[in-house]
């Protein structure tokens, strides 16, 4: 059975360009991000894209692109770096599409059903978590609560040993 999706009007995508990035890139970024959001299941309430060219000539990837989205009350943030502004936008959109898939799969931006691993190439992959119980002292989801749990030796027993 096919479900009908409600047509939700997309919010205005605010694009900020800094550090001498050409103004025509704003329309390019707006179109690419809008296309990525079109495939999502939840409405985006606010979208902000920021593209910055850093002035440090020693940086290999002097352009940073980031998008912040209020996805029906859930905040989603993606950031990437590249050599050129257009490449930064393309990388940003690719990561955004992946992140939106994770949100759709788990219902949460962080992808609670996934663990993260890194290949030697530097790319990040996501794998379903195993069904093993949570280790003692760590809350569900693998994040530390900030409290320390230490193991103490058992207290000496006062019972006589069976011989």
Protein backbone atom coordinates (compact mmCIF):
# COMPACT_ATOMS: atom_id res chain seq x y z
CA UNK A 1 0.00 0.00 0.00
CA UNK A 2 1.39 3.36 -0.98
CA UNK A 3 1.26 6.14 1.58
CA UNK A 4 0.51 9.68 0.49
CA UNK A 5 3.01 12.29 1.67
CA UNK A 6 1.77 15.67 2.72
CA UNK A 7 3.18 18.46 0.63
CA UNK A 8 5.06 20.77 2.98
CA UNK A 9 6.34 24.10 1.76
CA UNK A 10 10.10 24.34 2.10
CA UNK A 11 11.45 27.10 4.30
CA UNK A 12 13.65 29.83 2.94
CA UNK A 13 17.23 28.57 2.84
CA UNK A 14 19.47 31.26 4.28
CA UNK A 15 22.95 31.21 2.74
CA UNK A 16 25.83 33.15 4.30
CA UNK A 17 29.01 33.66 2.28
CA UNK A 18 32.19 34.89 3.96
CA UNK A 19 35.82 35.42 3.05
CA UNK A 20 35.43 36.47 -0.57
CA UNK A 21 33.24 33.58 -1.75
CA UNK A 22 31.54 34.55 -5.05
CA UNK A 23 27.84 35.57 -4.65
CA UNK A 24 26.65 33.23 -7.42
CA UNK A 25 27.51 30.27 -5.19
CA UNK A 26 24.53 31.13 -2.95
CA UNK A 27 22.02 30.03 -5.61
CA UNK A 28 24.03 26.88 -6.32
CA UNK A 29 24.12 25.93 -2.61
CA UNK A 30 20.44 26.79 -2.12
CA UNK A 31 19.40 24.55 -5.02
CA UNK A 32 21.55 21.60 -3.96
CA UNK A 33 20.42 21.72 -0.31
CA UNK A 34 16.77 22.11 -1.33
CA UNK A 35 17.05 19.02 -3.56
CA UNK A 36 18.54 17.01 -0.68
CA UNK A 37 15.79 18.14 1.70
CA UNK A 38 13.08 17.29 -0.83
CA UNK A 39 13.72 13.56 -0.28
CA UNK A 40 13.39 13.78 3.51
CA UNK A 41 10.27 12.61 5.32
CA UNK A 42 10.21 15.34 7.95
CA UNK A 43 9.63 19.02 7.25
CA UNK A 44 12.55 21.39 7.63
CA UNK A 45 11.48 24.38 9.69
CA UNK A 46 14.69 26.40 9.30
CA UNK A 47 17.77 25.94 7.10
CA UNK A 48 21.01 27.92 7.24
CA UNK A 49 24.01 27.27 5.00
CA UNK A 50 27.32 28.96 5.74
CA UNK A 51 30.31 28.92 3.38
CA UNK A 52 33.59 30.45 4.54
CA UNK A 53 36.91 30.83 2.76
CA UNK A 54 39.61 31.06 5.44
CA UNK A 55 42.46 33.47 4.84
CA UNK A 56 45.21 31.12 6.02
CA UNK A 57 47.25 30.13 2.92
CA UNK A 58 48.78 27.17 4.76
CA UNK A 59 45.46 25.29 4.90
CA UNK A 60 45.10 22.47 2.40
CA UNK A 61 41.32 22.87 2.41
CA UNK A 62 40.65 26.56 3.02
CA UNK A 63 36.88 26.45 2.45
CA UNK A 64 34.43 25.28 5.11
CA UNK A 65 30.76 24.67 4.40
CA UNK A 66 28.15 23.88 7.02
CA UNK A 67 24.40 23.49 7.15
CA UNK A 68 22.20 23.75 10.24
CA UNK A 69 18.66 22.44 9.92
CA UNK A 70 15.71 22.40 12.29
CA UNK A 71 14.12 19.18 11.08
CA UNK A 72 10.68 19.26 12.67
CA UNK A 73 12.21 20.10 16.06
CA UNK A 74 15.37 18.00 15.70
CA UNK A 75 18.60 19.84 15.01
CA UNK A 76 20.81 18.46 12.25
CA UNK A 77 24.26 19.90 11.56
CA UNK A 78 26.70 18.88 8.83
CA UNK A 79 30.10 20.43 8.12
CA UNK A 80 32.83 19.75 5.60
CA UNK A 81 35.99 21.31 4.17
CA UNK A 82 37.35 21.43 0.63
CA UNK A 83 39.74 23.21 -1.70
CA UNK A 84 37.08 25.24 -3.54
CA UNK A 85 33.68 26.60 -2.51
CA UNK A 86 31.80 24.53 -5.12
CA UNK A 87 33.56 21.34 -4.00
CA UNK A 88 32.70 22.19 -0.39
CA UNK A 89 29.01 22.50 -1.29
CA UNK A 90 29.06 19.20 -3.19
CA UNK A 91 30.67 17.41 -0.24
CA UNK A 92 28.25 19.08 2.15
CA UNK A 93 25.22 17.90 0.18
CA UNK A 94 26.57 14.33 -0.01
CA UNK A 95 27.02 14.23 3.77
CA UNK A 96 23.66 15.88 4.31
CA UNK A 97 21.92 13.21 2.24
CA UNK A 98 23.63 10.51 4.29
CA UNK A 99 22.68 12.22 7.55
CA UNK A 100 19.06 12.57 6.45
CA UNK A 101 18.99 8.84 5.67
CA UNK A 102 20.23 8.15 9.20
CA UNK A 103 17.57 10.42 10.65
CA UNK A 104 14.95 8.60 8.61
CA UNK A 105 16.23 5.16 9.66
CA UNK A 106 16.49 5.89 13.38
CA UNK A 107 14.26 8.90 13.86
CA UNK A 108 17.19 10.69 15.52
CA UNK A 109 19.85 12.95 14.00
CA UNK A 110 22.73 11.15 15.70
CA UNK A 111 21.62 7.81 14.32
CA UNK A 112 21.13 5.94 17.62
CA UNK A 113 20.96 2.63 15.78
CA UNK A 114 24.48 3.03 14.44
CA UNK A 115 28.03 2.92 15.63
CA UNK A 116 30.75 4.81 13.83
CA UNK A 117 33.97 3.40 12.44
CA UNK A 118 36.69 4.97 10.34
CA UNK A 119 38.37 3.43 7.32
CA UNK A 120 42.05 3.96 6.65
CA UNK A 121 41.00 6.28 3.83
CA UNK A 122 39.56 8.64 6.44
CA UNK A 123 35.93 8.16 5.40
CA UNK A 124 33.42 7.36 8.11
CA UNK A 125 31.11 4.37 7.93
CA UNK A 126 28.12 3.50 10.04
CA UNK A 127 27.15 -0.01 11.09
CA UNK A 128 24.12 -1.29 13.01
CA UNK A 129 24.94 -1.75 16.68
CA UNK A 130 25.09 -5.26 18.02
CA UNK A 131 22.44 -6.50 20.40
CA UNK A 132 24.97 -7.01 23.18
CA UNK A 133 24.04 -5.58 26.58
CA UNK A 134 25.44 -2.25 27.61
CA UNK A 135 28.66 -2.48 29.55
CA UNK A 136 28.48 -1.60 33.26
CA UNK A 137 28.99 2.06 34.00
CA UNK A 138 27.97 3.22 30.51
CA UNK A 139 24.45 4.36 29.67
CA UNK A 140 22.66 3.05 26.60
CA UNK A 141 23.92 4.56 23.36
CA UNK A 142 27.55 4.25 24.41
CA UNK A 143 27.89 7.80 25.71
CA UNK A 144 29.45 8.47 29.07
CA UNK A 145 27.20 10.12 31.62
CA UNK A 146 30.15 11.87 33.20
CA UNK A 147 29.95 9.78 36.38
CA UNK A 148 32.79 7.46 37.20
CA UNK A 149 32.14 3.86 38.10
CA UNK A 150 34.99 1.98 39.68
CA UNK A 151 35.28 -1.69 40.48
CA UNK A 152 36.10 -2.42 44.13
CA UNK A 153 37.39 -5.71 45.41
CA UNK A 154 34.79 -7.82 47.16
CA UNK A 155 34.64 -7.48 50.92
CA UNK A 156 36.24 -10.39 52.77
CA UNK A 157 33.74 -13.05 53.72
CA UNK A 158 33.26 -13.96 57.40
CA UNK A 159 31.97 -17.44 56.58
CA UNK A 160 34.18 -20.40 57.13
CA UNK A 161 35.43 -21.95 53.96
CA UNK A 162 34.00 -25.37 53.09
CA UNK A 163 36.69 -28.02 53.34
